[in-house]
Amino acid sequence: MKNLAVKYFLSGYSCSESVVRAAIEKGYVPEEILPAATAFSGGMGVRCLCGAVAGAQIVIGTIFGRNDKERDGMKARQLSKELCEKFMQKYQVNCCKVLSKGFEFHSPERKQHCCNMVHDSSEILENILKENLIKA
């Protein structure tokens, strides 16, 4: 999944869209959720939460979030926290502004730099999904 996400990111999808698109291709979530990821691109447009992390959160919420039937959303919150903690173990922060500090936002150098976050958030996400979908 991580290589797919990077491929999508380098081909024109945003960071958040790339993570969600890879999860769609791997069969984790339906294609209909892709447009929701667009709003989380570039740190929600204001370079706040890393879009790659946000995209992973969208996937977690889609699979484990509240559905007013059998799921109350607690699992989604737990796994979202786990994803952020693992991401921050590597990067110390999950803020787009901090992660991309020193790069012009639309530069090829920043795009290449952000491939690391897209790769790593996708890898963390897929590990969480594999572990928790087996248990589900």
C-alpha atoms as a PDB file:
ATOM      1  CA  MET A   1       0.000   0.000   0.000  1.00  0.00           C
ATOM      2  CA  LYS A   2       2.822   2.415   0.811  1.00  0.00           C
ATOM      3  CA  ASN A   3       4.292   2.171  -2.705  1.00  0.00           C
ATOM      4  CA  LEU A   4       0.861   2.661  -4.273  1.00  0.00           C
ATOM      5  CA  ALA A   5       0.281   5.768  -2.168  1.00  0.00           C
ATOM      6  CA  VAL A   6       3.621   7.262  -3.238  1.00  0.00           C
ATOM      7  CA  LYS A   7       2.844   6.413  -6.871  1.00  0.00           C
ATOM      8  CA  TYR A   8      -0.474   8.253  -6.653  1.00  0.00           C
ATOM      9  CA  PHE A   9       1.150  11.195  -4.866  1.00  0.00           C
ATOM     10  CA  LEU A  10       3.788  11.580  -7.564  1.00  0.00           C
ATOM     11  CA  SER A  11       1.169  11.291 -10.304  1.00  0.00           C
ATOM     12  CA  GLY A  12      -0.917  14.248  -9.126  1.00  0.00           C
ATOM     13  CA  TYR A  13      -3.071  13.114  -6.223  1.00  0.00           C
ATOM     14  CA  SER A  14      -2.668  15.095  -3.010  1.00  0.00           C
ATOM     15  CA  CYS A  15      -1.128  13.572   0.114  1.00  0.00           C
ATOM     16  CA  SER A  16      -4.486  12.724   1.713  1.00  0.00           C
ATOM     17  CA  GLU A  17      -6.001  11.523  -1.557  1.00  0.00           C
ATOM     18  CA  SER A  18      -2.983   9.293  -2.226  1.00  0.00           C
ATOM     19  CA  VAL A  19      -3.335   7.405   1.037  1.00  0.00           C
ATOM     20  CA  VAL A  20      -7.081   6.956   0.551  1.00  0.00           C
ATOM     21  CA  ARG A  21      -6.669   5.999  -3.132  1.00  0.00           C
ATOM     22  CA  ALA A  22      -4.159   3.292  -2.173  1.00  0.00           C
ATOM     23  CA  ALA A  23      -6.537   1.946   0.489  1.00  0.00           C
ATOM     24  CA  ILE A  24      -9.298   1.848  -2.128  1.00  0.00           C
ATOM     25  CA  GLU A  25      -7.103  -0.055  -4.562  1.00  0.00           C
ATOM     26  CA  LYS A  26      -6.181  -2.569  -1.854  1.00  0.00           C
ATOM     27  CA  GLY A  27      -9.879  -3.142  -1.172  1.00  0.00           C
ATOM     28  CA  TYR A  28     -10.018  -1.684   2.336  1.00  0.00           C
ATOM     29  CA  VAL A  29     -12.578   1.059   1.616  1.00  0.00           C
ATOM     30  CA  PRO A  30     -15.078   1.988  -1.118  1.00  0.00           C
ATOM     31  CA  GLU A  31     -14.169   4.393  -3.906  1.00  0.00           C
ATOM     32  CA  GLU A  32     -16.955   6.771  -2.884  1.00  0.00           C
ATOM     33  CA  ILE A  33     -14.882   8.133   0.014  1.00  0.00           C
ATOM     34  CA  LEU A  34     -12.084   9.526  -2.188  1.00  0.00           C
ATOM     35  CA  PRO A  35     -13.680  12.986  -2.614  1.00  0.00           C
ATOM     36  CA  ALA A  36     -13.754  13.425   1.181  1.00  0.00           C
ATOM     37  CA  ALA A  37      -9.955  13.198   1.226  1.00  0.00           C
ATOM     38  CA  THR A  38      -9.568  16.223  -1.038  1.00  0.00           C
ATOM     39  CA  ALA A  39     -10.521  18.656   1.738  1.00  0.00           C
ATOM     40  CA  PHE A  40      -7.652  17.346   3.881  1.00  0.00           C
ATOM     41  CA  SER A  41      -4.973  18.051   1.259  1.00  0.00           C
ATOM     42  CA  GLY A  42      -2.062  20.254   2.232  1.00  0.00           C
ATOM     43  CA  GLY A  43      -2.908  20.158   5.908  1.00  0.00           C
ATOM     44  CA  MET A  44      -6.594  20.967   5.337  1.00  0.00           C
ATOM     45  CA  GLY A  45      -5.579  23.830   3.078  1.00  0.00           C
ATOM     46  CA  VAL A  46      -3.860  25.711   5.899  1.00  0.00           C
ATOM     47  CA  ARG A  47      -0.960  23.301   6.411  1.00  0.00           C
ATOM     48  CA  CYS A  48      -2.148  22.088   9.795  1.00  0.00           C
ATOM     49  CA  LEU A  49      -2.526  18.298  10.213  1.00  0.00           C
ATOM     50  CA  CYS A  50      -0.368  16.405   7.688  1.00  0.00           C
ATOM     51  CA  GLY A  51      -2.642  15.340   4.844  1.00  0.00           C
ATOM     52  CA  ALA A  52      -1.112  11.875   4.711  1.00  0.00           C
ATOM     53  CA  VAL A  53      -2.069  11.357   8.349  1.00  0.00           C
ATOM     54  CA  ALA A  54      -5.527  12.802   7.698  1.00  0.00           C
ATOM     55  CA  GLY A  55      -6.033  10.437   4.756  1.00  0.00           C
ATOM     56  CA  ALA A  56      -5.131   7.490   6.964  1.00  0.00           C
ATOM     57  CA  GLN A  57      -7.607   8.750   9.569  1.00  0.00           C
ATOM     58  CA  ILE A  58     -10.360   8.866   6.925  1.00  0.00           C
ATOM     59  CA  VAL A  59      -9.699   5.206   6.141  1.00  0.00           C
ATOM     60  CA  ILE A  60      -9.744   4.233   9.813  1.00  0.00           C
ATOM     61  CA  GLY A  61     -12.988   6.145  10.357  1.00  0.00           C
ATOM     62  CA  THR A  62     -14.616   4.549   7.333  1.00  0.00           C
ATOM     63  CA  ILE A  63     -13.800   1.043   8.526  1.00  0.00           C
ATOM     64  CA  PHE A  64     -14.136   1.372  12.294  1.00  0.00           C
ATOM     65  CA  GLY A  65     -16.162   4.558  12.866  1.00  0.00           C
ATOM     66  CA  ARG A  66     -19.642   4.923  14.305  1.00  0.00           C
ATOM     67  CA  ASN A  67     -22.387   3.533  12.149  1.00  0.00           C
ATOM     68  CA  ASP A  68     -25.268   3.691  14.670  1.00  0.00           C
ATOM     69  CA  LYS A  69     -25.725  -0.068  14.464  1.00  0.00           C
ATOM     70  CA  GLU A  70     -22.962  -2.239  15.847  1.00  0.00           C
ATOM     71  CA  ARG A  71     -20.097   0.276  16.071  1.00  0.00           C
ATOM     72  CA  ASP A  72     -19.900   3.136  18.542  1.00  0.00           C
ATOM     73  CA  GLY A  73     -16.684   4.634  17.132  1.00  0.00           C
ATOM     74  CA  MET A  74     -14.456   3.771  20.094  1.00  0.00           C
ATOM     75  CA  LYS A  75     -12.271   1.479  17.966  1.00  0.00           C
ATOM     76  CA  ALA A  76     -11.797   4.255  15.392  1.00  0.00           C
ATOM     77  CA  ARG A  77     -10.673   6.688  18.075  1.00  0.00           C
ATOM     78  CA  GLN A  78      -8.275   4.136  19.564  1.00  0.00           C
ATOM     79  CA  LEU A  79      -6.734   3.291  16.187  1.00  0.00           C
ATOM     80  CA  SER A  80      -6.545   6.952  15.167  1.00  0.00           C
ATOM     81  CA  LYS A  81      -4.582   7.685  18.311  1.00  0.00           C
ATOM     82  CA  GLU A  82      -2.301   4.712  17.621  1.00  0.00           C
ATOM     83  CA  LEU A  83      -1.638   5.915  14.077  1.00  0.00           C
ATOM     84  CA  CYS A  84      -0.750   9.434  15.265  1.00  0.00           C
ATOM     85  CA  GLU A  85       1.504   8.131  18.023  1.00  0.00           C
ATOM     86  CA  LYS A  86       3.413   5.887  15.624  1.00  0.00           C
ATOM     87  CA  PHE A  87       3.753   8.676  13.062  1.00  0.00           C
ATOM     88  CA  MET A  88       4.996  11.087  15.718  1.00  0.00           C
ATOM     89  CA  GLN A  89       7.502   8.526  17.021  1.00  0.00           C
ATOM     90  CA  LYS A  90       9.225   8.935  13.684  1.00  0.00           C
ATOM     91  CA  TYR A  91       8.602  12.634  12.924  1.00  0.00           C
ATOM     92  CA  GLN A  92       7.943  14.119  16.411  1.00  0.00           C
ATOM     93  CA  VAL A  93       5.020  16.144  14.983  1.00  0.00           C
ATOM     94  CA  ASN A  94       2.117  15.671  12.588  1.00  0.00           C
ATOM     95  CA  CYS A  95       1.785  19.307  11.476  1.00  0.00           C
ATOM     96  CA  CYS A  96       2.266  19.931   7.752  1.00  0.00           C
ATOM     97  CA  LYS A  97       3.867  23.356   8.361  1.00  0.00           C
ATOM     98  CA  VAL A  98       6.502  21.885  10.631  1.00  0.00           C
ATOM     99  CA  LEU A  99       7.073  18.763   8.547  1.00  0.00           C
ATOM    100  CA  SER A 100       7.615  20.799   5.378  1.00  0.00           C
ATOM    101  CA  LYS A 101       9.426  23.759   6.949  1.00  0.00           C
ATOM    102  CA  GLY A 102      12.094  25.193   4.669  1.00  0.00           C
ATOM    103  CA  PHE A 103      10.391  24.057   1.468  1.00  0.00           C
ATOM    104  CA  GLU A 104       8.403  26.225  -0.921  1.00  0.00           C
ATOM    105  CA  PHE A 105       4.944  24.599  -0.798  1.00  0.00           C
ATOM    106  CA  HIS A 106       4.572  23.931  -4.527  1.00  0.00           C
ATOM    107  CA  SER A 107       8.208  23.010  -5.144  1.00  0.00           C
ATOM    108  CA  PRO A 108       9.376  19.645  -6.473  1.00  0.00           C
ATOM    109  CA  GLU A 109      11.691  19.411  -3.466  1.00  0.00           C
ATOM    110  CA  ARG A 110       8.780  19.609  -1.022  1.00  0.00           C
ATOM    111  CA  LYS A 111       6.834  17.079  -3.069  1.00  0.00           C
ATOM    112  CA  GLN A 112       9.757  14.657  -2.880  1.00  0.00           C
ATOM    113  CA  HIS A 113      10.170  15.337   0.850  1.00  0.00           C
ATOM    114  CA  CYS A 114       6.477  14.682   1.477  1.00  0.00           C
ATOM    115  CA  CYS A 115       6.745  11.302  -0.243  1.00  0.00           C
ATOM    116  CA  ASN A 116       8.287  10.142   3.039  1.00  0.00           C
ATOM    117  CA  MET A 117       5.178  11.079   5.024  1.00  0.00           C
ATOM    118  CA  VAL A 118       2.850   9.539   2.437  1.00  0.00           C
ATOM    119  CA  HIS A 119       4.919   6.337   2.484  1.00  0.00           C
ATOM    120  CA  ASP A 120       5.179   6.100   6.255  1.00  0.00           C
ATOM    121  CA  SER A 121       1.577   6.981   7.088  1.00  0.00           C
ATOM    122  CA  SER A 122       0.395   4.389   4.543  1.00  0.00           C
ATOM    123  CA  GLU A 123       2.688   1.776   6.017  1.00  0.00           C
ATOM    124  CA  ILE A 124       1.504   2.500   9.564  1.00  0.00           C
ATOM    125  CA  LEU A 125      -2.112   2.435   8.373  1.00  0.00           C
ATOM    126  CA  GLU A 126      -1.765  -0.872   6.575  1.00  0.00           C
ATOM    127  CA  ASN A 127      -0.100  -2.482   9.588  1.00  0.00           C
ATOM    128  CA  ILE A 128      -2.931  -1.256  11.827  1.00  0.00           C
ATOM    129  CA  LEU A 129      -5.545  -2.514   9.380  1.00  0.00           C
ATOM    130  CA  LYS A 130      -3.958  -5.926   8.958  1.00  0.00           C
ATOM    131  CA  GLU A 131      -3.689  -6.387  12.703  1.00  0.00           C
ATOM    132  CA  ASN A 132      -7.197  -5.181  13.508  1.00  0.00           C
ATOM    133  CA  LEU A 133      -9.162  -6.587  10.612  1.00  0.00           C
ATOM    134  CA  ILE A 134      -7.886 -10.059  11.470  1.00  0.00           C
ATOM    135  CA  LYS A 135      -9.250  -9.576  14.990  1.00  0.00           C
ATOM    136  CA  ALA A 136     -12.553  -8.113  13.796  1.00  0.00           C
END
